[in-house]
Amino acid sequence: MIRDPLPRAWALLIGLSLLSAALADWSDPGRLTSILILGLGLAKARTILATYLRLAGAPFWMRGADWVLALVGVLLLGLYIVG
């Protein structure tokens, strides 16, 4: 098992990217698939912020970043549904 958080985060990012690519490759993705891909993108952004920028060690800043990611996610979801 990998103990260093950077290679674990890298492996998680690769896995999330492969899952996003597999979902996007479906012939008729539909709304649910698009929403899942948006969620995977937000999970990747949180992984990068928490691990590579080391916000996991600063709970106040991580909480703020989570709020910003949530707001961006809701905004993008709203724009997707309206458009």
C-alpha atoms as a PDB file:
ATOM      1  CA  MET A   1       0.000   0.000   0.000  1.00  0.00           C
ATOM      2  CA  ILE A   2       1.247   3.467  -0.887  1.00  0.00           C
ATOM      3  CA  ARG A   3       1.802   5.653   2.181  1.00  0.00           C
ATOM      4  CA  ASP A   4       2.938   8.841   0.447  1.00  0.00           C
ATOM      5  CA  PRO A   5      -0.122  10.988  -0.385  1.00  0.00           C
ATOM      6  CA  LEU A   6       1.260  12.360  -3.683  1.00  0.00           C
ATOM      7  CA  PRO A   7       1.427   9.048  -5.582  1.00  0.00           C
ATOM      8  CA  ARG A   8      -1.973   8.086  -4.124  1.00  0.00           C
ATOM      9  CA  ALA A   9      -3.445  11.362  -5.355  1.00  0.00           C
ATOM     10  CA  TRP A  10      -1.817  10.873  -8.747  1.00  0.00           C
ATOM     11  CA  ALA A  11      -3.298   7.371  -9.017  1.00  0.00           C
ATOM     12  CA  LEU A  12      -6.710   8.716  -7.998  1.00  0.00           C
ATOM     13  CA  LEU A  13      -6.483  11.465 -10.624  1.00  0.00           C
ATOM     14  CA  ILE A  14      -5.567   8.926 -13.304  1.00  0.00           C
ATOM     15  CA  GLY A  15      -8.483   6.715 -12.262  1.00  0.00           C
ATOM     16  CA  LEU A  16     -10.948   9.601 -12.263  1.00  0.00           C
ATOM     17  CA  SER A  17      -9.665  10.740 -15.667  1.00  0.00           C
ATOM     18  CA  LEU A  18     -10.060   7.247 -17.126  1.00  0.00           C
ATOM     19  CA  LEU A  19     -13.570   7.015 -15.706  1.00  0.00           C
ATOM     20  CA  SER A  20     -14.439  10.425 -17.176  1.00  0.00           C
ATOM     21  CA  ALA A  21     -13.077   9.372 -20.560  1.00  0.00           C
ATOM     22  CA  ALA A  22     -15.002   6.095 -20.449  1.00  0.00           C
ATOM     23  CA  LEU A  23     -18.238   7.892 -19.570  1.00  0.00           C
ATOM     24  CA  ALA A  24     -17.671  10.486 -22.300  1.00  0.00           C
ATOM     25  CA  ASP A  25     -17.054   7.745 -24.865  1.00  0.00           C
ATOM     26  CA  TRP A  26     -20.587   6.379 -24.586  1.00  0.00           C
ATOM     27  CA  SER A  27     -22.477   6.757 -27.858  1.00  0.00           C
ATOM     28  CA  ASP A  28     -25.428   8.645 -26.297  1.00  0.00           C
ATOM     29  CA  PRO A  29     -24.262  10.086 -22.982  1.00  0.00           C
ATOM     30  CA  GLY A  30     -27.411  11.879 -21.826  1.00  0.00           C
ATOM     31  CA  ARG A  31     -27.834  14.227 -18.896  1.00  0.00           C
ATOM     32  CA  LEU A  32     -26.973  11.827 -16.101  1.00  0.00           C
ATOM     33  CA  THR A  33     -23.637  10.948 -17.675  1.00  0.00           C
ATOM     34  CA  SER A  34     -22.814  14.617 -18.204  1.00  0.00           C
ATOM     35  CA  ILE A  35     -23.627  15.385 -14.574  1.00  0.00           C
ATOM     36  CA  LEU A  36     -21.435  12.470 -13.451  1.00  0.00           C
ATOM     37  CA  ILE A  37     -18.544  13.782 -15.562  1.00  0.00           C
ATOM     38  CA  LEU A  38     -18.973  17.227 -13.969  1.00  0.00           C
ATOM     39  CA  GLY A  39     -18.878  15.605 -10.530  1.00  0.00           C
ATOM     40  CA  LEU A  40     -15.723  13.687 -11.419  1.00  0.00           C
ATOM     41  CA  GLY A  41     -14.100  16.936 -12.549  1.00  0.00           C
ATOM     42  CA  LEU A  42     -14.958  18.561  -9.237  1.00  0.00           C
ATOM     43  CA  ALA A  43     -13.551  15.554  -7.371  1.00  0.00           C
ATOM     44  CA  LYS A  44     -10.324  15.913  -9.351  1.00  0.00           C
ATOM     45  CA  ALA A  45     -10.146  19.620  -8.502  1.00  0.00           C
ATOM     46  CA  ARG A  46     -10.628  18.855  -4.800  1.00  0.00           C
ATOM     47  CA  THR A  47      -7.914  16.190  -4.924  1.00  0.00           C
ATOM     48  CA  ILE A  48      -5.477  18.648  -6.469  1.00  0.00           C
ATOM     49  CA  LEU A  49      -6.310  21.365  -3.949  1.00  0.00           C
ATOM     50  CA  ALA A  50      -6.118  19.045  -0.951  1.00  0.00           C
ATOM     51  CA  THR A  51      -2.994  17.115  -1.909  1.00  0.00           C
ATOM     52  CA  TYR A  52      -0.797  19.091  -4.270  1.00  0.00           C
ATOM     53  CA  LEU A  53      -1.552  22.501  -2.764  1.00  0.00           C
ATOM     54  CA  ARG A  54      -1.618  20.895   0.704  1.00  0.00           C
ATOM     55  CA  LEU A  55      -4.864  22.502   1.747  1.00  0.00           C
ATOM     56  CA  ALA A  56      -5.754  19.327   3.653  1.00  0.00           C
ATOM     57  CA  GLY A  57      -3.381  20.577   6.335  1.00  0.00           C
ATOM     58  CA  ALA A  58      -5.188  23.923   6.525  1.00  0.00           C
ATOM     59  CA  PRO A  59      -8.823  23.126   7.359  1.00  0.00           C
ATOM     60  CA  PHE A  60     -10.013  26.741   7.144  1.00  0.00           C
ATOM     61  CA  TRP A  61      -8.692  27.162   3.593  1.00  0.00           C
ATOM     62  CA  MET A  62      -9.846  23.694   2.552  1.00  0.00           C
ATOM     63  CA  ARG A  63     -13.359  24.494   3.756  1.00  0.00           C
ATOM     64  CA  GLY A  64     -13.271  27.721   1.735  1.00  0.00           C
ATOM     65  CA  ALA A  65     -12.050  25.859  -1.334  1.00  0.00           C
ATOM     66  CA  ASP A  66     -14.840  23.316  -0.870  1.00  0.00           C
ATOM     67  CA  TRP A  67     -17.399  26.121  -0.811  1.00  0.00           C
ATOM     68  CA  VAL A  68     -15.961  27.661  -3.959  1.00  0.00           C
ATOM     69  CA  LEU A  69     -15.943  24.278  -5.730  1.00  0.00           C
ATOM     70  CA  ALA A  70     -19.523  23.637  -4.635  1.00  0.00           C
ATOM     71  CA  LEU A  71     -20.644  27.046  -5.914  1.00  0.00           C
ATOM     72  CA  VAL A  72     -18.864  26.533  -9.223  1.00  0.00           C
ATOM     73  CA  GLY A  73     -20.404  23.067  -9.508  1.00  0.00           C
ATOM     74  CA  VAL A  74     -23.907  24.369  -8.832  1.00  0.00           C
ATOM     75  CA  LEU A  75     -23.380  27.231 -11.299  1.00  0.00           C
ATOM     76  CA  LEU A  76     -22.145  24.882 -14.028  1.00  0.00           C
ATOM     77  CA  LEU A  77     -24.954  22.426 -13.349  1.00  0.00           C
ATOM     78  CA  GLY A  78     -27.503  25.216 -13.536  1.00  0.00           C
ATOM     79  CA  LEU A  79     -26.075  26.514 -16.807  1.00  0.00           C
ATOM     80  CA  TYR A  80     -26.075  22.975 -18.214  1.00  0.00           C
ATOM     81  CA  ILE A  81     -29.699  22.360 -17.261  1.00  0.00           C
ATOM     82  CA  VAL A  82     -30.901  25.740 -18.569  1.00  0.00           C
ATOM     83  CA  GLY A  83     -28.895  25.497 -21.818  1.00  0.00           C
END
